[in-house]
């Protein structure tokens, strides 16, 4: 069977990337294959994770390319040269323009650490999401996998999983629980679901 070629875009440690690599090894992801990892951060540990797993790893610097347009053009070229079918944003700290997202319509998915539409959109990323959830006093949070369009966290939802907020939670403890109990479960499943759809296109 033909497999969808997957690129994972990362900016940091790559814990979600590791969850995807592990899911591919265990057979949870079997309709797709991670063939490329791209980071906009030269020092991202995610690049090391990719190399250790034998996956091609690239660093593309927005700073060196000066503009968002030049950065996205370089991203597009790398994705097209590597014949990528599906793009997974896994802690990728760069908003993508409509020019980019329209080019890969329903081919980009993102994991967000809340139950969208809560605590999402511009400025909500990383620990900020969990800080906002705790400040609001919500009793349940979670994670969402969604398609990416030109609106930050605005694309169609693929999967969600709820996680209980516990007394005494800090943003850090909540972040860890949301990763372990939601993100690392629904992201691999969602990647498999979309990769399966792409691989079976006529």
N, C-alpha and C. Protein backbone atom coordinates (compact mmCIF):
# COMPACT_ATOMS: atom_id res chain seq x y z
N UNK A 1 0.83 -1.20 0.00
CA UNK A 1 0.00 0.00 0.00
C UNK A 1 0.87 1.25 0.00
N UNK A 2 0.46 2.23 -0.77
CA UNK A 2 1.17 3.50 -0.76
C UNK A 2 0.91 4.21 0.57
N UNK A 3 1.97 4.78 1.12
CA UNK A 3 1.82 5.51 2.37
C UNK A 3 1.92 7.00 2.11
N UNK A 4 1.16 7.77 2.89
CA UNK A 4 1.25 9.23 2.81
C UNK A 4 2.59 9.66 3.41
N UNK A 5 3.27 10.57 2.73
CA UNK A 5 4.54 11.08 3.27
C UNK A 5 4.24 12.25 4.20
N UNK A 6 4.76 12.15 5.41
CA UNK A 6 4.44 13.12 6.46
C UNK A 6 5.65 13.97 6.81
N UNK A 7 5.43 15.28 6.92
CA UNK A 7 6.45 16.19 7.45
C UNK A 7 5.94 16.73 8.79
N UNK A 8 6.82 16.77 9.78
CA UNK A 8 6.46 17.32 11.08
C UNK A 8 7.24 18.63 11.27
N UNK A 9 6.51 19.71 11.55
CA UNK A 9 7.13 21.02 11.77
C UNK A 9 7.16 21.31 13.26
N UNK A 10 8.35 21.64 13.75
CA UNK A 10 8.58 21.77 15.20
C UNK A 10 9.42 23.00 15.51
N UNK A 11 9.32 23.45 16.77
CA UNK A 11 10.16 24.58 17.19
C UNK A 11 10.95 24.30 18.46
N UNK A 12 10.59 23.23 19.17
CA UNK A 12 11.20 23.01 20.48
C UNK A 12 11.71 21.61 20.72
N UNK A 13 11.32 21.07 21.88
CA UNK A 13 11.86 19.78 22.32
C UNK A 13 11.40 18.58 21.51
N UNK A 14 10.22 18.72 20.93
CA UNK A 14 9.74 17.63 20.06
C UNK A 14 9.12 16.45 20.79
N UNK A 15 8.44 16.70 21.92
CA UNK A 15 7.80 15.58 22.63
C UNK A 15 6.66 14.99 21.80
N UNK A 16 5.91 15.85 21.11
CA UNK A 16 4.84 15.33 20.24
C UNK A 16 5.42 14.62 19.02
N UNK A 17 6.55 15.11 18.52
CA UNK A 17 7.24 14.41 17.43
C UNK A 17 7.63 13.00 17.89
N UNK A 18 8.16 12.90 19.11
CA UNK A 18 8.55 11.59 19.65
C UNK A 18 7.33 10.67 19.75
N UNK A 19 6.20 11.23 20.18
CA UNK A 19 4.97 10.44 20.28
C UNK A 19 4.57 9.90 18.90
N UNK A 20 4.78 10.70 17.86
CA UNK A 20 4.47 10.26 16.49
C UNK A 20 5.44 9.20 16.00
N UNK A 21 6.73 9.40 16.28
CA UNK A 21 7.75 8.41 15.90
C UNK A 21 7.44 7.07 16.57
N UNK A 22 7.12 7.13 17.87
CA UNK A 22 6.78 5.90 18.62
C UNK A 22 5.51 5.25 18.07
N UNK A 23 4.53 6.08 17.69
CA UNK A 23 3.27 5.55 17.15
C UNK A 23 3.48 4.88 15.80
N UNK A 24 4.41 5.42 15.01
CA UNK A 24 4.70 4.78 13.72
C UNK A 24 5.39 3.43 13.96
N UNK A 25 6.32 3.41 14.91
CA UNK A 25 7.04 2.16 15.22
C UNK A 25 6.10 1.08 15.76
N UNK A 26 5.10 1.50 16.55
CA UNK A 26 4.20 0.52 17.17
C UNK A 26 3.05 0.12 16.25
N UNK A 27 2.93 0.81 15.10
CA UNK A 27 1.89 0.45 14.15
C UNK A 27 0.60 1.23 14.27
N UNK A 28 0.52 2.17 15.24
CA UNK A 28 -0.68 3.02 15.35
C UNK A 28 -0.80 3.85 14.07
N UNK A 29 0.35 4.40 13.64
CA UNK A 29 0.39 5.08 12.33
C UNK A 29 0.95 4.08 11.33
N UNK A 30 0.09 3.64 10.40
CA UNK A 30 0.55 2.67 9.39
C UNK A 30 0.18 3.10 7.96
N UNK A 31 -0.62 4.16 7.84
CA UNK A 31 -0.99 4.65 6.51
C UNK A 31 -0.08 5.79 6.06
N UNK A 32 0.82 6.19 6.95
CA UNK A 32 1.73 7.28 6.65
C UNK A 32 3.11 7.00 7.19
N UNK A 33 4.07 7.75 6.69
CA UNK A 33 5.45 7.58 7.11
C UNK A 33 6.07 8.97 7.30
N UNK A 34 6.69 9.20 8.47
CA UNK A 34 7.35 10.48 8.71
C UNK A 34 8.67 10.48 7.95
N UNK A 35 8.75 11.32 6.94
CA UNK A 35 9.95 11.34 6.09
C UNK A 35 10.75 12.63 6.22
N UNK A 36 10.18 13.62 6.93
CA UNK A 36 10.86 14.92 7.03
C UNK A 36 10.45 15.63 8.32
N UNK A 37 11.45 16.24 8.96
CA UNK A 37 11.19 17.11 10.12
C UNK A 37 11.83 18.45 9.81
N UNK A 38 11.06 19.53 9.97
CA UNK A 38 11.59 20.88 9.73
C UNK A 38 11.41 21.70 11.01
N UNK A 39 12.48 22.43 11.38
CA UNK A 39 12.39 23.33 12.52
C UNK A 39 12.82 24.74 12.13
N UNK A 40 12.17 25.73 12.75
CA UNK A 40 12.58 27.11 12.56
C UNK A 40 13.51 27.55 13.70
N UNK A 41 13.93 26.58 14.50
CA UNK A 41 14.85 26.83 15.62
C UNK A 41 16.03 25.87 15.49
N UNK A 42 17.19 26.44 15.25
CA UNK A 42 18.41 25.66 15.01
C UNK A 42 18.75 24.74 16.18
N UNK A 43 18.38 25.18 17.39
CA UNK A 43 18.75 24.43 18.60
C UNK A 43 17.62 23.53 19.12
N UNK A 44 16.59 23.36 18.32
CA UNK A 44 15.46 22.52 18.76
C UNK A 44 15.93 21.08 18.94
N UNK A 45 15.63 20.51 20.11
CA UNK A 45 16.01 19.12 20.36
C UNK A 45 15.25 18.17 19.43
N UNK A 46 14.14 18.66 18.89
CA UNK A 46 13.36 17.86 17.93
C UNK A 46 14.22 17.42 16.74
N UNK A 47 15.16 18.28 16.32
CA UNK A 47 16.04 17.92 15.18
C UNK A 47 16.91 16.73 15.54
N UNK A 48 17.37 16.68 16.79
CA UNK A 48 18.17 15.55 17.28
C UNK A 48 17.32 14.29 17.32
N UNK A 49 16.08 14.44 17.79
CA UNK A 49 15.17 13.28 17.82
C UNK A 49 14.98 12.70 16.42
N UNK A 50 14.81 13.59 15.44
CA UNK A 50 14.62 13.15 14.05
C UNK A 50 15.85 12.39 13.56
N UNK A 51 17.02 12.97 13.79
CA UNK A 51 18.26 12.33 13.33
C UNK A 51 18.44 10.96 13.97
N UNK A 52 18.15 10.88 15.27
CA UNK A 52 18.27 9.59 15.99
C UNK A 52 17.34 8.54 15.38
N UNK A 53 16.19 9.00 14.88
CA UNK A 53 15.20 8.07 14.30
C UNK A 53 15.46 7.82 12.82
N UNK A 54 16.50 8.44 12.30
CA UNK A 54 16.83 8.25 10.88
C UNK A 54 15.93 9.01 9.93
N UNK A 55 15.37 10.11 10.42
CA UNK A 55 14.47 10.93 9.60
C UNK A 55 15.21 12.19 9.15
N UNK A 56 15.04 12.54 7.89
CA UNK A 56 15.68 13.74 7.35
C UNK A 56 15.23 14.97 8.16
N UNK A 57 16.21 15.78 8.60
CA UNK A 57 15.90 16.95 9.43
C UNK A 57 16.46 18.21 8.79
N UNK A 58 15.63 19.25 8.71
CA UNK A 58 16.04 20.52 8.12
C UNK A 58 15.79 21.67 9.08
N UNK A 59 16.68 22.66 9.00
CA UNK A 59 16.48 23.90 9.75
C UNK A 59 16.27 25.01 8.73
N UNK A 60 15.14 25.72 8.85
CA UNK A 60 14.87 26.86 7.96
C UNK A 60 14.67 28.08 8.85
N UNK A 61 15.53 29.07 8.68
CA UNK A 61 15.52 30.24 9.56
C UNK A 61 14.70 31.39 8.99
N UNK A 62 13.69 31.78 9.75
CA UNK A 62 12.87 32.93 9.36
C UNK A 62 13.70 34.21 9.47
N UNK A 63 14.55 34.24 10.49
CA UNK A 63 15.39 35.41 10.75
C UNK A 63 16.34 35.67 9.58
N UNK A 64 16.99 34.60 9.11
CA UNK A 64 17.95 34.74 8.01
C UNK A 64 17.25 35.10 6.70
N UNK A 65 16.01 34.63 6.54
CA UNK A 65 15.28 34.89 5.30
C UNK A 65 14.54 36.23 5.33
N UNK A 66 14.55 36.87 6.48
CA UNK A 66 14.03 38.24 6.68
C UNK A 66 12.51 38.40 6.66
N UNK A 67 11.82 37.77 5.73
CA UNK A 67 10.36 37.98 5.65
C UNK A 67 9.58 36.68 5.81
N UNK A 68 8.33 36.83 6.21
CA UNK A 68 7.43 35.67 6.33
C UNK A 68 7.27 35.00 4.97
N UNK A 69 7.15 35.81 3.94
CA UNK A 69 6.95 35.28 2.58
C UNK A 69 8.14 34.42 2.13
N UNK A 70 9.35 34.92 2.36
CA UNK A 70 10.55 34.17 1.96
C UNK A 70 10.67 32.88 2.78
N UNK A 71 10.31 32.97 4.08
CA UNK A 71 10.34 31.80 4.97
C UNK A 71 9.36 30.74 4.48
N UNK A 72 8.14 31.18 4.16
CA UNK A 72 7.12 30.23 3.69
C UNK A 72 7.48 29.64 2.33
N UNK A 73 8.08 30.45 1.47
CA UNK A 73 8.51 29.95 0.16
C UNK A 73 9.55 28.84 0.34
N UNK A 74 10.49 29.06 1.26
CA UNK A 74 11.52 28.04 1.54
C UNK A 74 10.88 26.77 2.12
N UNK A 75 9.89 26.96 2.98
CA UNK A 75 9.16 25.81 3.55
C UNK A 75 8.46 25.02 2.44
N UNK A 76 7.73 25.75 1.59
CA UNK A 76 7.00 25.11 0.48
C UNK A 76 7.94 24.31 -0.42
N UNK A 77 9.08 24.93 -0.75
CA UNK A 77 10.03 24.25 -1.63
C UNK A 77 10.51 22.94 -1.02
N UNK A 78 10.84 22.98 0.27
CA UNK A 78 11.30 21.76 0.97
C UNK A 78 10.22 20.70 1.00
N UNK A 79 8.98 21.12 1.26
CA UNK A 79 7.87 20.17 1.33
C UNK A 79 7.60 19.54 -0.04
N UNK A 80 7.66 20.37 -1.08
CA UNK A 80 7.38 19.86 -2.42
C UNK A 80 8.52 19.00 -2.96
N UNK A 81 9.75 19.41 -2.68
CA UNK A 81 10.91 18.60 -3.11
C UNK A 81 10.86 17.21 -2.49
N UNK A 82 10.35 17.13 -1.26
CA UNK A 82 10.28 15.85 -0.55
C UNK A 82 8.93 15.15 -0.72
N UNK A 83 8.12 15.68 -1.65
CA UNK A 83 6.82 15.08 -2.03
C UNK A 83 5.93 14.80 -0.82
N UNK A 84 5.84 15.79 0.06
CA UNK A 84 5.07 15.63 1.30
C UNK A 84 3.57 15.71 1.03
N UNK A 85 2.83 14.76 1.63
CA UNK A 85 1.37 14.70 1.48
C UNK A 85 0.64 15.33 2.66
N UNK A 86 1.25 15.24 3.84
CA UNK A 86 0.59 15.68 5.07
C UNK A 86 1.59 16.41 5.95
N UNK A 87 1.19 17.58 6.46
CA UNK A 87 2.05 18.39 7.32
C UNK A 87 1.45 18.40 8.72
N UNK A 88 2.27 18.06 9.70
CA UNK A 88 1.81 18.07 11.10
C UNK A 88 2.57 19.15 11.86
N UNK A 89 1.81 20.10 12.43
CA UNK A 89 2.42 21.13 13.26
C UNK A 89 2.42 20.61 14.70
N UNK A 90 3.61 20.38 15.24
CA UNK A 90 3.72 19.81 16.58
C UNK A 90 4.59 20.75 17.42
N UNK A 91 3.95 21.78 17.96
CA UNK A 91 4.71 22.79 18.69
C UNK A 91 5.52 23.66 17.75
N UNK A 92 4.89 24.06 16.65
CA UNK A 92 5.55 24.92 15.66
C UNK A 92 5.15 26.36 15.94
N UNK A 93 6.13 27.15 16.39
CA UNK A 93 5.83 28.51 16.88
C UNK A 93 5.91 29.55 15.77
N UNK A 94 5.17 29.34 14.72
CA UNK A 94 5.11 30.33 13.65
C UNK A 94 3.74 30.25 13.00
N UNK A 95 3.05 31.39 12.95
CA UNK A 95 1.73 31.44 12.31
C UNK A 95 1.95 31.39 10.80
N UNK A 96 1.16 30.57 10.12
CA UNK A 96 1.29 30.43 8.66
C UNK A 96 0.21 31.26 7.96
N UNK A 97 0.59 31.90 6.86
CA UNK A 97 -0.34 32.78 6.15
C UNK A 97 -1.35 32.00 5.31
N UNK A 98 -2.33 32.73 4.82
CA UNK A 98 -3.35 32.10 3.97
C UNK A 98 -2.72 31.57 2.68
N UNK A 99 -1.71 32.26 2.19
CA UNK A 99 -1.01 31.80 0.97
C UNK A 99 -0.48 30.38 1.18
N UNK A 100 0.05 30.13 2.37
CA UNK A 100 0.62 28.81 2.68
C UNK A 100 -0.49 27.79 2.95
N UNK A 101 -1.43 28.15 3.84
CA UNK A 101 -2.45 27.17 4.24
C UNK A 101 -3.37 26.79 3.07
N UNK A 102 -3.65 27.74 2.18
CA UNK A 102 -4.50 27.43 1.02
C UNK A 102 -3.80 26.47 0.06
N UNK A 103 -2.48 26.57 -0.01
CA UNK A 103 -1.69 25.69 -0.88
C UNK A 103 -1.79 24.23 -0.44
N UNK A 104 -1.95 24.05 0.88
CA UNK A 104 -2.02 22.69 1.44
C UNK A 104 -3.36 22.48 2.16
N UNK A 105 -4.43 22.83 1.48
CA UNK A 105 -5.77 22.76 2.06
C UNK A 105 -6.10 21.33 2.53
N UNK A 106 -6.51 21.22 3.79
CA UNK A 106 -6.83 19.93 4.43
C UNK A 106 -5.64 18.96 4.41
N UNK A 107 -4.43 19.54 4.34
CA UNK A 107 -3.22 18.72 4.39
C UNK A 107 -2.31 19.14 5.55
N UNK A 108 -2.81 20.09 6.38
CA UNK A 108 -2.03 20.54 7.54
C UNK A 108 -2.87 20.33 8.79
N UNK A 109 -2.30 19.64 9.78
CA UNK A 109 -3.02 19.48 11.04
C UNK A 109 -2.15 19.99 12.20
N UNK A 110 -2.83 20.43 13.25
CA UNK A 110 -2.13 21.01 14.40
C UNK A 110 -2.72 20.44 15.69
N UNK A 111 -1.86 20.33 16.69
CA UNK A 111 -2.33 19.95 18.03
C UNK A 111 -2.32 21.20 18.90
N UNK A 112 -3.45 21.45 19.59
CA UNK A 112 -3.55 22.61 20.47
C UNK A 112 -3.91 22.14 21.88
N UNK A 113 -3.21 22.66 22.92
CA UNK A 113 -3.41 22.13 24.27
C UNK A 113 -4.60 22.70 25.04
N UNK A 114 -5.75 22.76 24.39
CA UNK A 114 -7.01 23.09 25.09
C UNK A 114 -8.15 22.51 24.29
N UNK A 115 -9.36 22.59 24.86
CA UNK A 115 -10.55 22.16 24.13
C UNK A 115 -11.06 23.38 23.36
N UNK A 116 -10.67 23.48 22.10
CA UNK A 116 -11.13 24.59 21.25
C UNK A 116 -12.67 24.57 21.24
N UNK A 117 -13.38 25.69 21.39
CA UNK A 117 -12.93 27.08 21.22
C UNK A 117 -12.40 27.78 22.48
N UNK A 118 -12.14 27.07 23.56
CA UNK A 118 -11.58 27.72 24.75
C UNK A 118 -10.08 27.93 24.60
N UNK A 119 -9.59 29.05 25.09
CA UNK A 119 -8.15 29.31 25.21
C UNK A 119 -7.38 29.01 23.93
N UNK A 120 -7.83 29.64 22.86
CA UNK A 120 -7.16 29.39 21.58
C UNK A 120 -7.07 30.69 20.79
N UNK A 121 -6.40 30.62 19.65
CA UNK A 121 -6.25 31.80 18.80
C UNK A 121 -4.92 32.49 19.06
N UNK A 122 -4.79 33.67 18.48
CA UNK A 122 -3.54 34.42 18.55
C UNK A 122 -3.08 34.62 20.00
N UNK A 123 -1.83 34.31 20.27
CA UNK A 123 -1.25 34.53 21.60
C UNK A 123 -1.41 33.38 22.57
N UNK A 124 -2.26 32.41 22.21
CA UNK A 124 -2.44 31.24 23.09
C UNK A 124 -1.58 30.08 22.61
N UNK A 125 -0.45 29.89 23.27
CA UNK A 125 0.42 28.76 22.92
C UNK A 125 1.22 28.37 24.16
N UNK A 126 1.72 27.13 24.15
CA UNK A 126 2.58 26.66 25.24
C UNK A 126 1.91 26.82 26.60
N UNK A 127 2.71 27.23 27.58
CA UNK A 127 2.22 27.36 28.95
C UNK A 127 1.13 28.43 29.10
N UNK A 128 1.10 29.39 28.18
CA UNK A 128 0.09 30.46 28.26
C UNK A 128 -1.32 29.89 28.28
N UNK A 129 -1.52 28.81 27.52
CA UNK A 129 -2.85 28.18 27.44
C UNK A 129 -3.25 27.65 28.81
N UNK A 130 -2.31 26.96 29.47
CA UNK A 130 -2.61 26.34 30.77
C UNK A 130 -2.74 27.40 31.87
N UNK A 131 -1.94 28.46 31.76
CA UNK A 131 -2.06 29.58 32.71
C UNK A 131 -3.47 30.18 32.63
N UNK A 132 -3.95 30.37 31.39
CA UNK A 132 -5.29 30.96 31.18
C UNK A 132 -6.39 30.04 31.71
N UNK A 133 -6.22 28.73 31.50
CA UNK A 133 -7.22 27.77 31.97
C UNK A 133 -7.31 27.78 33.49
N UNK A 134 -6.14 27.82 34.15
CA UNK A 134 -6.13 27.83 35.62
C UNK A 134 -6.67 29.14 36.17
N UNK A 135 -6.35 30.23 35.51
CA UNK A 135 -6.82 31.56 35.94
C UNK A 135 -8.35 31.63 35.87
N UNK A 136 -8.91 31.01 34.84
CA UNK A 136 -10.37 31.00 34.64
C UNK A 136 -11.06 30.06 35.63
N UNK A 137 -10.29 29.08 36.12
CA UNK A 137 -10.86 28.14 37.08
C UNK A 137 -11.63 26.98 36.45
N UNK A 138 -11.34 26.67 35.19
CA UNK A 138 -12.05 25.55 34.55
C UNK A 138 -11.72 24.23 35.27
N UNK A 139 -12.66 23.32 35.27
CA UNK A 139 -12.46 22.02 35.92
C UNK A 139 -12.02 20.95 34.93
N UNK A 140 -12.25 21.24 33.65
CA UNK A 140 -11.88 20.30 32.58
C UNK A 140 -11.17 21.07 31.48
N UNK A 141 -10.04 20.54 31.04
CA UNK A 141 -9.37 21.09 29.87
C UNK A 141 -9.07 19.92 28.95
N UNK A 142 -8.05 20.02 28.12
CA UNK A 142 -7.75 18.90 27.23
C UNK A 142 -6.92 19.33 26.05
N UNK A 143 -7.08 18.63 24.96
CA UNK A 143 -6.34 18.94 23.73
C UNK A 143 -7.23 18.74 22.52
N UNK A 144 -6.88 19.43 21.44
CA UNK A 144 -7.65 19.39 20.19
C UNK A 144 -6.69 19.23 19.02
N UNK A 145 -7.04 18.33 18.12
CA UNK A 145 -6.33 18.25 16.83
C UNK A 145 -7.28 18.82 15.79
N UNK A 146 -6.76 19.74 14.96
CA UNK A 146 -7.61 20.38 13.96
C UNK A 146 -6.85 20.64 12.67
N UNK A 147 -7.60 20.78 11.59
CA UNK A 147 -6.99 21.21 10.34
C UNK A 147 -6.58 22.67 10.48
N UNK A 148 -5.58 23.07 9.73
CA UNK A 148 -5.05 24.43 9.82
C UNK A 148 -5.53 25.25 8.63
N UNK A 149 -6.10 26.42 8.95
CA UNK A 149 -6.41 27.39 7.90
C UNK A 149 -5.76 28.72 8.27
N UNK A 150 -6.17 29.79 7.62
CA UNK A 150 -5.50 31.08 7.85
C UNK A 150 -5.82 31.71 9.21
N UNK A 151 -6.84 31.17 9.91
CA UNK A 151 -7.20 31.69 11.23
C UNK A 151 -6.51 30.84 12.30
N UNK A 152 -5.71 31.44 13.18
CA UNK A 152 -5.05 30.65 14.23
C UNK A 152 -6.05 29.81 15.03
N UNK A 153 -5.84 28.50 15.03
CA UNK A 153 -6.70 27.53 15.71
C UNK A 153 -8.14 27.55 15.20
N UNK A 154 -8.31 27.99 13.93
CA UNK A 154 -9.67 28.18 13.40
C UNK A 154 -10.18 27.08 12.50
N UNK A 155 -9.35 26.10 12.18
CA UNK A 155 -9.76 25.05 11.23
C UNK A 155 -10.65 24.00 11.86
N UNK A 156 -11.22 23.20 11.00
CA UNK A 156 -12.17 22.14 11.38
C UNK A 156 -11.52 21.14 12.36
N UNK A 157 -12.26 20.78 13.40
CA UNK A 157 -11.74 19.89 14.45
C UNK A 157 -11.77 18.43 13.99
N UNK A 158 -10.67 17.73 14.26
CA UNK A 158 -10.55 16.31 13.91
C UNK A 158 -10.80 15.44 15.14
N UNK A 159 -10.20 15.84 16.27
CA UNK A 159 -10.35 15.04 17.50
C UNK A 159 -10.14 15.92 18.73
N UNK A 160 -10.80 15.55 19.82
CA UNK A 160 -10.61 16.22 21.11
C UNK A 160 -10.60 15.18 22.22
N UNK A 161 -9.85 15.50 23.28
CA UNK A 161 -9.87 14.62 24.45
C UNK A 161 -9.80 15.49 25.70
N UNK A 162 -10.68 15.20 26.64
CA UNK A 162 -10.75 15.99 27.87
C UNK A 162 -9.80 15.47 28.94
N UNK A 163 -9.32 16.39 29.78
CA UNK A 163 -8.43 16.06 30.90
C UNK A 163 -8.92 16.86 32.10
N UNK A 164 -9.01 16.21 33.25
CA UNK A 164 -9.47 16.91 34.46
C UNK A 164 -8.38 17.82 35.01
N UNK A 165 -8.81 18.99 35.46
CA UNK A 165 -7.91 19.89 36.17
C UNK A 165 -7.98 19.50 37.64
N UNK A 166 -6.81 19.37 38.28
CA UNK A 166 -6.78 18.94 39.68
C UNK A 166 -6.43 20.10 40.60
N UNK A 167 -6.90 19.99 41.86
CA UNK A 167 -6.56 21.02 42.86
C UNK A 167 -5.05 21.09 43.00
N UNK A 168 -4.54 22.30 43.06
CA UNK A 168 -3.09 22.45 43.23
C UNK A 168 -2.30 22.39 41.94
N UNK A 169 -3.00 22.27 40.82
CA UNK A 169 -2.28 22.24 39.53
C UNK A 169 -1.52 23.54 39.30
N UNK A 170 -0.35 23.41 38.72
CA UNK A 170 0.39 24.57 38.21
C UNK A 170 0.32 24.48 36.68
N UNK A 171 0.64 25.55 35.96
CA UNK A 171 0.66 25.44 34.50
C UNK A 171 1.53 24.28 34.03
N UNK A 172 2.64 24.05 34.74
CA UNK A 172 3.57 22.98 34.34
C UNK A 172 2.99 21.58 34.56
N UNK A 173 2.35 21.36 35.73
CA UNK A 173 1.78 20.02 35.98
C UNK A 173 0.61 19.76 35.04
N UNK A 174 -0.16 20.81 34.77
CA UNK A 174 -1.31 20.66 33.87
C UNK A 174 -0.84 20.39 32.44
N UNK A 175 0.19 21.10 32.02
CA UNK A 175 0.75 20.89 30.69
C UNK A 175 1.19 19.42 30.51
N UNK A 176 1.87 18.90 31.52
CA UNK A 176 2.38 17.52 31.46
C UNK A 176 1.21 16.52 31.37
N UNK A 177 0.17 16.75 32.20
CA UNK A 177 -0.97 15.81 32.19
C UNK A 177 -1.73 15.87 30.86
N UNK A 178 -1.90 17.08 30.31
CA UNK A 178 -2.59 17.22 29.02
C UNK A 178 -1.80 16.51 27.92
N UNK A 179 -0.48 16.64 27.96
CA UNK A 179 0.36 15.93 26.97
C UNK A 179 0.16 14.42 27.09
N UNK A 180 0.34 13.91 28.31
CA UNK A 180 0.33 12.45 28.53
C UNK A 180 -1.05 11.84 28.31
N UNK A 181 -2.10 12.54 28.77
CA UNK A 181 -3.44 11.95 28.73
C UNK A 181 -4.25 12.32 27.49
N UNK A 182 -3.79 13.32 26.75
CA UNK A 182 -4.57 13.74 25.58
C UNK A 182 -3.71 13.87 24.32
N UNK A 183 -2.74 14.78 24.33
CA UNK A 183 -1.98 15.07 23.10
C UNK A 183 -1.34 13.83 22.49
N UNK A 184 -0.63 13.07 23.32
CA UNK A 184 0.12 11.92 22.78
C UNK A 184 -0.79 10.78 22.35
N UNK A 185 -2.07 10.87 22.69
CA UNK A 185 -3.04 9.84 22.29
C UNK A 185 -3.75 10.27 21.01
N UNK A 186 -4.30 11.51 21.01
CA UNK A 186 -5.13 11.90 19.86
C UNK A 186 -4.33 12.36 18.66
N UNK A 187 -3.10 12.85 18.88
CA UNK A 187 -2.32 13.30 17.71
C UNK A 187 -1.95 12.12 16.81
N UNK A 188 -1.35 11.04 17.34
CA UNK A 188 -1.05 9.89 16.45
C UNK A 188 -2.29 9.32 15.76
N UNK A 189 -3.41 9.22 16.51
CA UNK A 189 -4.65 8.68 15.92
C UNK A 189 -5.16 9.57 14.80
N UNK A 190 -5.08 10.87 15.02
CA UNK A 190 -5.54 11.82 13.99
C UNK A 190 -4.64 11.78 12.76
N UNK A 191 -3.34 11.67 12.99
CA UNK A 191 -2.40 11.58 11.87
C UNK A 191 -2.71 10.33 11.05
N UNK A 192 -2.97 9.22 11.71
CA UNK A 192 -3.31 7.98 11.01
C UNK A 192 -4.61 8.15 10.21
N UNK A 193 -5.60 8.77 10.83
CA UNK A 193 -6.90 8.96 10.18
C UNK A 193 -6.74 9.76 8.88
N UNK A 194 -6.04 10.90 8.96
CA UNK A 194 -5.89 11.77 7.79
C UNK A 194 -4.95 11.13 6.76
N UNK A 195 -3.88 10.50 7.23
CA UNK A 195 -2.95 9.81 6.31
C UNK A 195 -3.66 8.69 5.55
N UNK A 196 -4.55 7.99 6.25
CA UNK A 196 -5.33 6.91 5.63
C UNK A 196 -6.22 7.48 4.51
N UNK A 197 -6.86 8.62 4.80
CA UNK A 197 -7.73 9.25 3.79
C UNK A 197 -6.90 9.68 2.57
N UNK A 198 -5.71 10.24 2.81
CA UNK A 198 -4.86 10.71 1.71
C UNK A 198 -4.33 9.52 0.91
N UNK A 199 -3.89 8.49 1.62
CA UNK A 199 -3.31 7.32 0.94
C UNK A 199 -4.34 6.60 0.08
N UNK A 200 -5.62 6.73 0.43
CA UNK A 200 -6.68 6.04 -0.31
C UNK A 200 -7.43 6.92 -1.29
N UNK A 201 -6.88 8.10 -1.56
CA UNK A 201 -7.50 8.96 -2.57
C UNK A 201 -7.38 8.31 -3.93
N UNK A 202 -8.43 8.41 -4.76
CA UNK A 202 -8.36 7.78 -6.10
C UNK A 202 -7.32 8.46 -6.99
